[in-house]
Amino acid sequence: MMAATMTIEFYQALREVGVSDEKAQRLIGYFEDHKQLSKKDIAAL
């Protein structure tokens, strides 16, 4: 349950700073696959 809560919070934080829904979902999917994101990863997405 903790992971689901963190995912929702991560999604909400991305949306609050202006990331589009599509990009937020892609970032979350990438994060779930790789368990961490660098600034370079985020820029590439």
PDB file of N, CA and C in Angstrom:
ATOM      1  N   MET A   1       0.826  -1.200   0.000  1.00  0.00           N
ATOM      2  CA  MET A   1       0.000   0.000   0.000  1.00  0.00           C
ATOM      3  C   MET A   1       0.866   1.259   0.000  1.00  0.00           C
ATOM      4  N   MET A   2       1.996   1.195   0.648  1.00  0.00           N
ATOM      5  CA  MET A   2       2.874   2.359   0.726  1.00  0.00           C
ATOM      6  C   MET A   2       3.332   2.781  -0.674  1.00  0.00           C
ATOM      7  N   ALA A   3       3.656   1.820  -1.535  1.00  0.00           N
ATOM      8  CA  ALA A   3       4.111   2.161  -2.880  1.00  0.00           C
ATOM      9  C   ALA A   3       3.005   2.866  -3.658  1.00  0.00           C
ATOM     10  N   ALA A   4       1.776   2.418  -3.506  1.00  0.00           N
ATOM     11  CA  ALA A   4       0.658   3.056  -4.207  1.00  0.00           C
ATOM     12  C   ALA A   4       0.489   4.496  -3.738  1.00  0.00           C
ATOM     13  N   THR A   5       0.608   4.718  -2.444  1.00  0.00           N
ATOM     14  CA  THR A   5       0.487   6.070  -1.896  1.00  0.00           C
ATOM     15  C   THR A   5       1.601   6.961  -2.432  1.00  0.00           C
ATOM     16  N   MET A   6       2.812   6.434  -2.484  1.00  0.00           N
ATOM     17  CA  MET A   6       3.934   7.207  -2.999  1.00  0.00           C
ATOM     18  C   MET A   6       3.729   7.536  -4.478  1.00  0.00           C
ATOM     19  N   THR A   7       3.181   6.593  -5.242  1.00  0.00           N
ATOM     20  CA  THR A   7       2.932   6.823  -6.659  1.00  0.00           C
ATOM     21  C   THR A   7       1.910   7.932  -6.851  1.00  0.00           C
ATOM     22  N   ILE A   8       0.838   7.901  -6.077  1.00  0.00           N
ATOM     23  CA  ILE A   8      -0.186   8.941  -6.162  1.00  0.00           C
ATOM     24  C   ILE A   8       0.403  10.293  -5.789  1.00  0.00           C
ATOM     25  N   GLU A   9       1.185  10.329  -4.725  1.00  0.00           N
ATOM     26  CA  GLU A   9       1.796  11.588  -4.290  1.00  0.00           C
ATOM     27  C   GLU A   9       2.777  12.113  -5.342  1.00  0.00           C
ATOM     28  N   PHE A  10       3.529  11.217  -5.960  1.00  0.00           N
ATOM     29  CA  PHE A  10       4.477  11.592  -7.009  1.00  0.00           C
ATOM     30  C   PHE A  10       3.711  12.168  -8.199  1.00  0.00           C
ATOM     31  N   TYR A  11       2.635  11.506  -8.611  1.00  0.00           N
ATOM     32  CA  TYR A  11       1.803  11.988  -9.708  1.00  0.00           C
ATOM     33  C   TYR A  11       1.242  13.376  -9.387  1.00  0.00           C
ATOM     34  N   GLN A  12       0.698  13.533  -8.197  1.00  0.00           N
ATOM     35  CA  GLN A  12       0.110  14.820  -7.805  1.00  0.00           C
ATOM     36  C   GLN A  12       1.171  15.917  -7.786  1.00  0.00           C
ATOM     37  N   ALA A  13       2.354  15.605  -7.292  1.00  0.00           N
ATOM     38  CA  ALA A  13       3.433  16.601  -7.257  1.00  0.00           C
ATOM     39  C   ALA A  13       3.834  17.016  -8.668  1.00  0.00           C
ATOM     40  N   LEU A  14       3.923  16.055  -9.568  1.00  0.00           N
ATOM     41  CA  LEU A  14       4.255  16.380 -10.954  1.00  0.00           C
ATOM     42  C   LEU A  14       3.200  17.285 -11.571  1.00  0.00           C
ATOM     43  N   ARG A  15       1.941  16.975 -11.344  1.00  0.00           N
ATOM     44  CA  ARG A  15       0.849  17.779 -11.903  1.00  0.00           C
ATOM     45  C   ARG A  15       0.853  19.186 -11.310  1.00  0.00           C
ATOM     46  N   GLU A  16       1.153  19.298 -10.011  1.00  0.00           N
ATOM     47  CA  GLU A  16       1.165  20.611  -9.355  1.00  0.00           C
ATOM     48  C   GLU A  16       2.227  21.540  -9.931  1.00  0.00           C
ATOM     49  N   VAL A  17       3.322  20.977 -10.425  1.00  0.00           N
ATOM     50  CA  VAL A  17       4.370  21.824 -10.995  1.00  0.00           C
ATOM     51  C   VAL A  17       4.227  21.988 -12.502  1.00  0.00           C
ATOM     52  N   GLY A  18       3.078  21.549 -13.035  1.00  0.00           N
ATOM     53  CA  GLY A  18       2.778  21.817 -14.422  1.00  0.00           C
ATOM     54  C   GLY A  18       3.104  20.733 -15.427  1.00  0.00           C
ATOM     55  N   VAL A  19       3.483  19.551 -14.962  1.00  0.00           N
ATOM     56  CA  VAL A  19       3.747  18.449 -15.884  1.00  0.00           C
ATOM     57  C   VAL A  19       2.403  17.946 -16.411  1.00  0.00           C
ATOM     58  N   SER A  20       2.318  17.719 -17.708  1.00  0.00           N
ATOM     59  CA  SER A  20       1.064  17.252 -18.299  1.00  0.00           C
ATOM     60  C   SER A  20       0.719  15.863 -17.768  1.00  0.00           C
ATOM     61  N   ASP A  21      -0.545  15.507 -17.885  1.00  0.00           N
ATOM     62  CA  ASP A  21      -0.998  14.189 -17.436  1.00  0.00           C
ATOM     63  C   ASP A  21      -0.223  13.081 -18.146  1.00  0.00           C
ATOM     64  N   GLU A  22      -0.079  13.210 -19.452  1.00  0.00           N
ATOM     65  CA  GLU A  22       0.631  12.187 -20.236  1.00  0.00           C
ATOM     66  C   GLU A  22       2.077  12.022 -19.768  1.00  0.00           C
ATOM     67  N   LYS A  23       2.781  13.147 -19.597  1.00  0.00           N
ATOM     68  CA  LYS A  23       4.174  13.076 -19.168  1.00  0.00           C
ATOM     69  C   LYS A  23       4.292  12.558 -17.739  1.00  0.00           C
ATOM     70  N   ALA A  24       3.372  12.946 -16.858  1.00  0.00           N
ATOM     71  CA  ALA A  24       3.393  12.458 -15.479  1.00  0.00           C
ATOM     72  C   ALA A  24       3.228  10.942 -15.458  1.00  0.00           C
ATOM     73  N   GLN A  25       2.323  10.429 -16.279  1.00  0.00           N
ATOM     74  CA  GLN A  25       2.123   8.986 -16.323  1.00  0.00           C
ATOM     75  C   GLN A  25       3.347   8.271 -16.877  1.00  0.00           C
ATOM     76  N   ARG A  26       3.992   8.877 -17.881  1.00  0.00           N
ATOM     77  CA  ARG A  26       5.212   8.273 -18.431  1.00  0.00           C
ATOM     78  C   ARG A  26       6.330   8.262 -17.389  1.00  0.00           C
ATOM     79  N   LEU A  27       6.468   9.357 -16.652  1.00  0.00           N
ATOM     80  CA  LEU A  27       7.497   9.410 -15.609  1.00  0.00           C
ATOM     81  C   LEU A  27       7.251   8.357 -14.533  1.00  0.00           C
ATOM     82  N   ILE A  28       6.008   8.206 -14.129  1.00  0.00           N
ATOM     83  CA  ILE A  28       5.678   7.215 -13.112  1.00  0.00           C
ATOM     84  C   ILE A  28       5.977   5.812 -13.630  1.00  0.00           C
ATOM     85  N   GLY A  29       5.600   5.529 -14.869  1.00  0.00           N
ATOM     86  CA  GLY A  29       5.891   4.220 -15.452  1.00  0.00           C
ATOM     87  C   GLY A  29       7.379   3.946 -15.504  1.00  0.00           C
ATOM     88  N   TYR A  30       8.147   4.958 -15.903  1.00  0.00           N
ATOM     89  CA  TYR A  30       9.602   4.810 -15.951  1.00  0.00           C
ATOM     90  C   TYR A  30      10.169   4.586 -14.558  1.00  0.00           C
ATOM     91  N   PHE A  31       9.674   5.344 -13.598  1.00  0.00           N
ATOM     92  CA  PHE A  31      10.143   5.211 -12.225  1.00  0.00           C
ATOM     93  C   PHE A  31       9.850   3.818 -11.681  1.00  0.00           C
ATOM     94  N   GLU A  32       8.653   3.306 -11.962  1.00  0.00           N
ATOM     95  CA  GLU A  32       8.290   1.979 -11.470  1.00  0.00           C
ATOM     96  C   GLU A  32       9.183   0.909 -12.075  1.00  0.00           C
ATOM     97  N   ASP A  33       9.611   1.107 -13.324  1.00  0.00           N
ATOM     98  CA  ASP A  33      10.496   0.140 -13.980  1.00  0.00           C
ATOM     99  C   ASP A  33      11.926   0.225 -13.471  1.00  0.00           C
ATOM    100  N   HIS A  34      12.389   1.434 -13.153  1.00  0.00           N
ATOM    101  CA  HIS A  34      13.802   1.641 -12.818  1.00  0.00           C
ATOM    102  C   HIS A  34      14.063   1.980 -11.352  1.00  0.00           C
ATOM    103  N   LYS A  35      13.025   2.290 -10.598  1.00  0.00           N
ATOM    104  CA  LYS A  35      13.095   2.572  -9.154  1.00  0.00           C
ATOM    105  C   LYS A  35      13.861   3.836  -8.782  1.00  0.00           C
ATOM    106  N   GLN A  36      14.364   4.548  -9.770  1.00  0.00           N
ATOM    107  CA  GLN A  36      14.984   5.839  -9.480  1.00  0.00           C
ATOM    108  C   GLN A  36      15.047   6.638 -10.767  1.00  0.00           C
ATOM    109  N   LEU A  37      15.076   7.928 -10.646  1.00  0.00           N
ATOM    110  CA  LEU A  37      15.162   8.809 -11.795  1.00  0.00           C
ATOM    111  C   LEU A  37      16.274   9.829 -11.576  1.00  0.00           C
ATOM    112  N   SER A  38      17.091  10.015 -12.577  1.00  0.00           N
ATOM    113  CA  SER A  38      18.077  11.089 -12.519  1.00  0.00           C
ATOM    114  C   SER A  38      17.501  12.290 -13.248  1.00  0.00           C
ATOM    115  N   LYS A  39      18.136  13.435 -13.104  1.00  0.00           N
ATOM    116  CA  LYS A  39      17.690  14.616 -13.839  1.00  0.00           C
ATOM    117  C   LYS A  39      17.765  14.367 -15.342  1.00  0.00           C
ATOM    118  N   LYS A  40      18.777  13.620 -15.763  1.00  0.00           N
ATOM    119  CA  LYS A  40      18.929  13.297 -17.178  1.00  0.00           C
ATOM    120  C   LYS A  40      17.761  12.430 -17.658  1.00  0.00           C
ATOM    121  N   ASP A  41      17.332  11.462 -16.827  1.00  0.00           N
ATOM    122  CA  ASP A  41      16.181  10.619 -17.174  1.00  0.00           C
ATOM    123  C   ASP A  41      14.936  11.454 -17.357  1.00  0.00           C
ATOM    124  N   ILE A  42      14.700  12.367 -16.428  1.00  0.00           N
ATOM    125  CA  ILE A  42      13.504  13.210 -16.481  1.00  0.00           C
ATOM    126  C   ILE A  42      13.535  14.099 -17.720  1.00  0.00           C
ATOM    127  N   ALA A  43      14.679  14.670 -18.021  1.00  0.00           N
ATOM    128  CA  ALA A  43      14.805  15.521 -19.205  1.00  0.00           C
ATOM    129  C   ALA A  43      14.556  14.731 -20.491  1.00  0.00           C
ATOM    130  N   ALA A  44      14.999  13.495 -20.521  1.00  0.00           N
ATOM    131  CA  ALA A  44      14.815  12.664 -21.712  1.00  0.00           C
ATOM    132  C   ALA A  44      13.342  12.313 -21.933  1.00  0.00           C
ATOM    133  N   LEU A  45      12.601  12.186 -20.852  1.00  0.00           N
ATOM    134  CA  LEU A  45      11.183  11.853 -20.961  1.00  0.00           C
ATOM    135  C   LEU A  45      10.380  13.070 -21.292  1.00  0.00           C
TER     136      LEU A  45
END
